[in-house]
Amino acid sequence: MTGNPSMDRFDRRIIAALQRNSARPIAILAEEIGLSPSACHRRVRALEESGVIAGYAARIDRTKLGLSLQVFVEISLSSQAREVLEAFETAVTRFDDILECHLTSGHADYILRVVARDMADYAAIHRDCLARLPHVASMQTIFTLRPVQQWRGYPIR
């Protein structure tokens, strides 16, 4: 995190520690970082208020929820016109089955991340959700076989 000169080594250590486990009490976090609990709490609050810490969430094992399939879907649109992009992006936000959507460069316009219980569930998501997205010229589905490295947080330098 060399891009933010107002953050010092304590702020970076706090961010790294919170990415590993944000559920620990502030006293334990403070001890790990090498600050007093009150100083650590002030820094955490400042990081929250500045938007560096955008929120907290639990990391859930999707397979424990019965979501064994993870799928990436590459979408190419029929046009790059602003109204086409906006219509697609608005439609994507209406479907809970689309976990993430990223505008990309390269051969696809967007990459979507979707999870499903099984192939039948994904077929229903494809029919009831993906096939209903506006202005789609082509769609390619990529099924993940297994994770090699899971996301563990941003690199903190």
C-alpha atoms as a PDB file:
ATOM      1  CA  MET A   1       0.000   0.000   0.000  1.00  0.00           C
ATOM      2  CA  THR A   2       2.613   2.474  -1.008  1.00  0.00           C
ATOM      3  CA  GLY A   3      -0.023   4.478  -2.880  1.00  0.00           C
ATOM      4  CA  ASN A   4      -1.454   6.120   0.264  1.00  0.00           C
ATOM      5  CA  PRO A   5       1.226   8.248   1.944  1.00  0.00           C
ATOM      6  CA  SER A   6      -0.980   9.029   4.952  1.00  0.00           C
ATOM      7  CA  MET A   7      -0.906   5.373   6.033  1.00  0.00           C
ATOM      8  CA  ASP A   8       2.039   4.280   8.147  1.00  0.00           C
ATOM      9  CA  ARG A   9       3.317   0.827   9.055  1.00  0.00           C
ATOM     10  CA  PHE A  10       0.778   0.468  11.884  1.00  0.00           C
ATOM     11  CA  ASP A  11      -2.120   1.176   9.519  1.00  0.00           C
ATOM     12  CA  ARG A  12      -0.763  -1.373   7.039  1.00  0.00           C
ATOM     13  CA  ARG A  13      -0.320  -3.964   9.801  1.00  0.00           C
ATOM     14  CA  ILE A  14      -3.881  -3.331  11.004  1.00  0.00           C
ATOM     15  CA  ILE A  15      -5.261  -3.792   7.487  1.00  0.00           C
ATOM     16  CA  ALA A  16      -3.268  -6.985   6.934  1.00  0.00           C
ATOM     17  CA  ALA A  17      -4.405  -8.401  10.290  1.00  0.00           C
ATOM     18  CA  LEU A  18      -8.054  -7.508   9.698  1.00  0.00           C
ATOM     19  CA  GLN A  19      -7.979  -9.179   6.284  1.00  0.00           C
ATOM     20  CA  ARG A  20      -6.839 -12.398   7.988  1.00  0.00           C
ATOM     21  CA  ASN A  21      -9.406 -12.176  10.795  1.00  0.00           C
ATOM     22  CA  SER A  22     -11.666  -9.205  11.431  1.00  0.00           C
ATOM     23  CA  ALA A  23     -13.625 -10.923  14.215  1.00  0.00           C
ATOM     24  CA  ARG A  24     -10.975 -10.661  16.926  1.00  0.00           C
ATOM     25  CA  PRO A  25     -11.423  -8.207  19.809  1.00  0.00           C
ATOM     26  CA  ILE A  26      -9.637  -4.864  19.481  1.00  0.00           C
ATOM     27  CA  ALA A  27      -7.429  -5.704  22.494  1.00  0.00           C
ATOM     28  CA  ILE A  28      -6.044  -8.793  20.741  1.00  0.00           C
ATOM     29  CA  LEU A  29      -5.603  -6.881  17.482  1.00  0.00           C
ATOM     30  CA  ALA A  30      -3.780  -4.101  19.363  1.00  0.00           C
ATOM     31  CA  GLU A  31      -1.439  -6.590  21.020  1.00  0.00           C
ATOM     32  CA  GLU A  32      -0.644  -8.223  17.664  1.00  0.00           C
ATOM     33  CA  ILE A  33       0.058  -4.822  16.058  1.00  0.00           C
ATOM     34  CA  GLY A  34       2.041  -3.423  18.988  1.00  0.00           C
ATOM     35  CA  LEU A  35      -0.288  -0.579  19.958  1.00  0.00           C
ATOM     36  CA  SER A  36      -2.436   0.229  22.961  1.00  0.00           C
ATOM     37  CA  PRO A  37      -6.086  -0.792  22.547  1.00  0.00           C
ATOM     38  CA  SER A  38      -7.218   2.866  22.466  1.00  0.00           C
ATOM     39  CA  ALA A  39      -4.643   3.831  19.806  1.00  0.00           C
ATOM     40  CA  CYS A  40      -5.516   0.768  17.743  1.00  0.00           C
ATOM     41  CA  HIS A  41      -9.241   1.531  18.036  1.00  0.00           C
ATOM     42  CA  ARG A  42      -8.679   5.137  16.898  1.00  0.00           C
ATOM     43  CA  ARG A  43      -6.707   3.936  13.880  1.00  0.00           C
ATOM     44  CA  VAL A  44      -9.325   1.346  12.923  1.00  0.00           C
ATOM     45  CA  ARG A  45     -12.065   3.989  13.162  1.00  0.00           C
ATOM     46  CA  ALA A  46     -10.001   6.408  11.028  1.00  0.00           C
ATOM     47  CA  LEU A  47      -9.468   3.677   8.404  1.00  0.00           C
ATOM     48  CA  GLU A  48     -13.227   2.983   8.414  1.00  0.00           C
ATOM     49  CA  GLU A  49     -14.161   6.663   8.163  1.00  0.00           C
ATOM     50  CA  SER A  50     -11.710   7.260   5.305  1.00  0.00           C
ATOM     51  CA  GLY A  51     -13.200   4.329   3.384  1.00  0.00           C
ATOM     52  CA  VAL A  52     -10.008   2.244   3.349  1.00  0.00           C
ATOM     53  CA  ILE A  53     -11.955  -0.316   5.381  1.00  0.00           C
ATOM     54  CA  ALA A  54     -15.184  -0.513   3.409  1.00  0.00           C
ATOM     55  CA  GLY A  55     -16.927  -3.025   5.678  1.00  0.00           C
ATOM     56  CA  TYR A  56     -16.673  -6.418   7.329  1.00  0.00           C
ATOM     57  CA  ALA A  57     -17.949  -9.782   6.203  1.00  0.00           C
ATOM     58  CA  ALA A  58     -17.555 -13.450   7.005  1.00  0.00           C
ATOM     59  CA  ARG A  59     -15.761 -15.678   4.509  1.00  0.00           C
ATOM     60  CA  ILE A  60     -18.179 -18.479   3.767  1.00  0.00           C
ATOM     61  CA  ASP A  61     -17.261 -21.883   2.376  1.00  0.00           C
ATOM     62  CA  ARG A  62     -19.705 -22.071  -0.536  1.00  0.00           C
ATOM     63  CA  THR A  63     -19.501 -25.869  -0.644  1.00  0.00           C
ATOM     64  CA  LYS A  64     -20.901 -26.015   2.923  1.00  0.00           C
ATOM     65  CA  LEU A  65     -23.946 -24.178   1.535  1.00  0.00           C
ATOM     66  CA  GLY A  66     -24.313 -26.814  -1.171  1.00  0.00           C
ATOM     67  CA  LEU A  67     -22.913 -24.561  -3.910  1.00  0.00           C
ATOM     68  CA  SER A  68     -20.439 -26.984  -5.457  1.00  0.00           C
ATOM     69  CA  LEU A  69     -20.191 -25.339  -8.871  1.00  0.00           C
ATOM     70  CA  GLN A  70     -18.336 -22.083  -9.489  1.00  0.00           C
ATOM     71  CA  VAL A  71     -18.641 -20.645 -12.969  1.00  0.00           C
ATOM     72  CA  PHE A  72     -17.136 -17.697 -14.813  1.00  0.00           C
ATOM     73  CA  VAL A  73     -19.150 -16.422 -17.751  1.00  0.00           C
ATOM     74  CA  GLU A  74     -17.571 -14.279 -20.446  1.00  0.00           C
ATOM     75  CA  ILE A  75     -20.095 -11.985 -22.094  1.00  0.00           C
ATOM     76  CA  SER A  76     -19.694 -10.038 -25.322  1.00  0.00           C
ATOM     77  CA  LEU A  77     -22.341  -7.450 -26.127  1.00  0.00           C
ATOM     78  CA  SER A  78     -23.836  -6.573 -29.481  1.00  0.00           C
ATOM     79  CA  SER A  79     -22.548  -3.004 -29.247  1.00  0.00           C
ATOM     80  CA  GLN A  80     -20.314  -0.744 -27.193  1.00  0.00           C
ATOM     81  CA  ALA A  81     -22.858   2.081 -27.198  1.00  0.00           C
ATOM     82  CA  ARG A  82     -23.296   3.719 -23.811  1.00  0.00           C
ATOM     83  CA  GLU A  83     -27.000   2.830 -23.602  1.00  0.00           C
ATOM     84  CA  VAL A  84     -26.212  -0.824 -24.354  1.00  0.00           C
ATOM     85  CA  LEU A  85     -23.556  -0.989 -21.628  1.00  0.00           C
ATOM     86  CA  GLU A  86     -25.817   0.779 -19.149  1.00  0.00           C
ATOM     87  CA  ALA A  87     -28.784  -1.497 -19.908  1.00  0.00           C
ATOM     88  CA  PHE A  88     -26.621  -4.594 -19.423  1.00  0.00           C
ATOM     89  CA  GLU A  89     -25.073  -3.330 -16.179  1.00  0.00           C
ATOM     90  CA  THR A  90     -28.463  -2.368 -14.772  1.00  0.00           C
ATOM     91  CA  ALA A  91     -29.882  -5.794 -15.622  1.00  0.00           C
ATOM     92  CA  VAL A  92     -26.951  -7.617 -13.995  1.00  0.00           C
ATOM     93  CA  THR A  93     -27.647  -5.941 -10.649  1.00  0.00           C
ATOM     94  CA  ARG A  94     -31.190  -7.369 -10.638  1.00  0.00           C
ATOM     95  CA  PHE A  95     -30.046 -11.008 -10.438  1.00  0.00           C
ATOM     96  CA  ASP A  96     -28.815 -12.356  -7.101  1.00  0.00           C
ATOM     97  CA  ASP A  97     -27.328 -15.359  -8.893  1.00  0.00           C
ATOM     98  CA  ILE A  98     -24.676 -13.092 -10.446  1.00  0.00           C
ATOM     99  CA  LEU A  99     -22.186 -12.658  -7.611  1.00  0.00           C
ATOM    100  CA  GLU A 100     -19.753 -10.411  -9.467  1.00  0.00           C
ATOM    101  CA  CYS A 101     -19.621  -8.607 -12.774  1.00  0.00           C
ATOM    102  CA  HIS A 102     -16.490  -6.971 -14.137  1.00  0.00           C
ATOM    103  CA  LEU A 103     -16.141  -4.817 -17.251  1.00  0.00           C
ATOM    104  CA  THR A 104     -13.020  -6.105 -18.986  1.00  0.00           C
ATOM    105  CA  SER A 105     -10.706  -5.462 -21.877  1.00  0.00           C
ATOM    106  CA  GLY A 106      -9.893  -8.151 -24.404  1.00  0.00           C
ATOM    107  CA  HIS A 107     -12.213 -10.461 -26.316  1.00  0.00           C
ATOM    108  CA  ALA A 108     -15.071 -10.377 -23.761  1.00  0.00           C
ATOM    109  CA  ASP A 109     -16.787  -7.229 -22.548  1.00  0.00           C
ATOM    110  CA  TYR A 110     -17.690  -8.605 -19.113  1.00  0.00           C
ATOM    111  CA  ILE A 111     -16.780 -11.484 -16.842  1.00  0.00           C
ATOM    112  CA  LEU A 112     -19.418 -12.705 -14.402  1.00  0.00           C
ATOM    113  CA  ARG A 113     -18.958 -15.023 -11.432  1.00  0.00           C
ATOM    114  CA  VAL A 114     -21.831 -17.367 -10.633  1.00  0.00           C
ATOM    115  CA  VAL A 115     -22.208 -20.271  -8.209  1.00  0.00           C
ATOM    116  CA  ALA A 116     -24.716 -23.113  -8.380  1.00  0.00           C
ATOM    117  CA  ARG A 117     -25.603 -26.308  -6.548  1.00  0.00           C
ATOM    118  CA  ASP A 118     -25.085 -28.524  -9.589  1.00  0.00           C
ATOM    119  CA  MET A 119     -25.431 -28.584 -13.378  1.00  0.00           C
ATOM    120  CA  ALA A 120     -29.241 -28.610 -13.236  1.00  0.00           C
ATOM    121  CA  ASP A 121     -29.174 -25.539 -10.980  1.00  0.00           C
ATOM    122  CA  TYR A 122     -26.740 -23.806 -13.334  1.00  0.00           C
ATOM    123  CA  ALA A 123     -28.965 -24.681 -16.309  1.00  0.00           C
ATOM    124  CA  ALA A 124     -31.854 -22.951 -14.519  1.00  0.00           C
ATOM    125  CA  ILE A 125     -29.663 -19.905 -13.752  1.00  0.00           C
ATOM    126  CA  HIS A 126     -28.596 -19.833 -17.410  1.00  0.00           C
ATOM    127  CA  ARG A 127     -32.186 -20.016 -18.634  1.00  0.00           C
ATOM    128  CA  ASP A 128     -33.812 -17.695 -16.078  1.00  0.00           C
ATOM    129  CA  CYS A 129     -31.032 -15.184 -15.556  1.00  0.00           C
ATOM    130  CA  LEU A 130     -28.126 -15.153 -18.006  1.00  0.00           C
ATOM    131  CA  ALA A 131     -30.234 -15.698 -21.121  1.00  0.00           C
ATOM    132  CA  ARG A 132     -32.430 -12.747 -20.086  1.00  0.00           C
ATOM    133  CA  LEU A 133     -29.583 -10.220 -19.996  1.00  0.00           C
ATOM    134  CA  PRO A 134     -30.010  -7.575 -22.711  1.00  0.00           C
ATOM    135  CA  HIS A 135     -27.799  -7.079 -25.760  1.00  0.00           C
ATOM    136  CA  VAL A 136     -25.738 -10.266 -25.320  1.00  0.00           C
ATOM    137  CA  ALA A 137     -24.075 -11.268 -28.600  1.00  0.00           C
ATOM    138  CA  SER A 138     -22.134 -14.232 -27.202  1.00  0.00           C
ATOM    139  CA  MET A 139     -21.605 -16.022 -23.944  1.00  0.00           C
ATOM    140  CA  GLN A 140     -18.906 -18.485 -22.927  1.00  0.00           C
ATOM    141  CA  THR A 141     -19.145 -20.460 -19.698  1.00  0.00           C
ATOM    142  CA  ILE A 142     -15.996 -21.579 -17.900  1.00  0.00           C
ATOM    143  CA  PHE A 143     -16.441 -24.147 -15.128  1.00  0.00           C
ATOM    144  CA  THR A 144     -13.801 -24.161 -12.417  1.00  0.00           C
ATOM    145  CA  LEU A 145     -12.480 -27.602 -11.515  1.00  0.00           C
ATOM    146  CA  ARG A 146     -10.866 -26.726  -8.188  1.00  0.00           C
ATOM    147  CA  PRO A 147      -9.348 -23.705  -6.491  1.00  0.00           C
ATOM    148  CA  VAL A 148      -5.564 -23.501  -6.593  1.00  0.00           C
ATOM    149  CA  GLN A 149      -5.244 -20.286  -4.618  1.00  0.00           C
ATOM    150  CA  GLN A 150      -8.202 -18.613  -2.958  1.00  0.00           C
ATOM    151  CA  TRP A 151      -8.415 -14.864  -2.482  1.00  0.00           C
ATOM    152  CA  ARG A 152      -6.868 -14.005   0.904  1.00  0.00           C
ATOM    153  CA  GLY A 153      -6.920 -10.237   0.762  1.00  0.00           C
ATOM    154  CA  TYR A 154      -4.986  -7.485  -0.926  1.00  0.00           C
ATOM    155  CA  PRO A 155      -1.195  -7.423  -0.695  1.00  0.00           C
ATOM    156  CA  ILE A 156      -0.152  -4.949   1.979  1.00  0.00           C
ATOM    157  CA  ARG A 157       3.323  -3.522   1.521  1.00  0.00           C
END
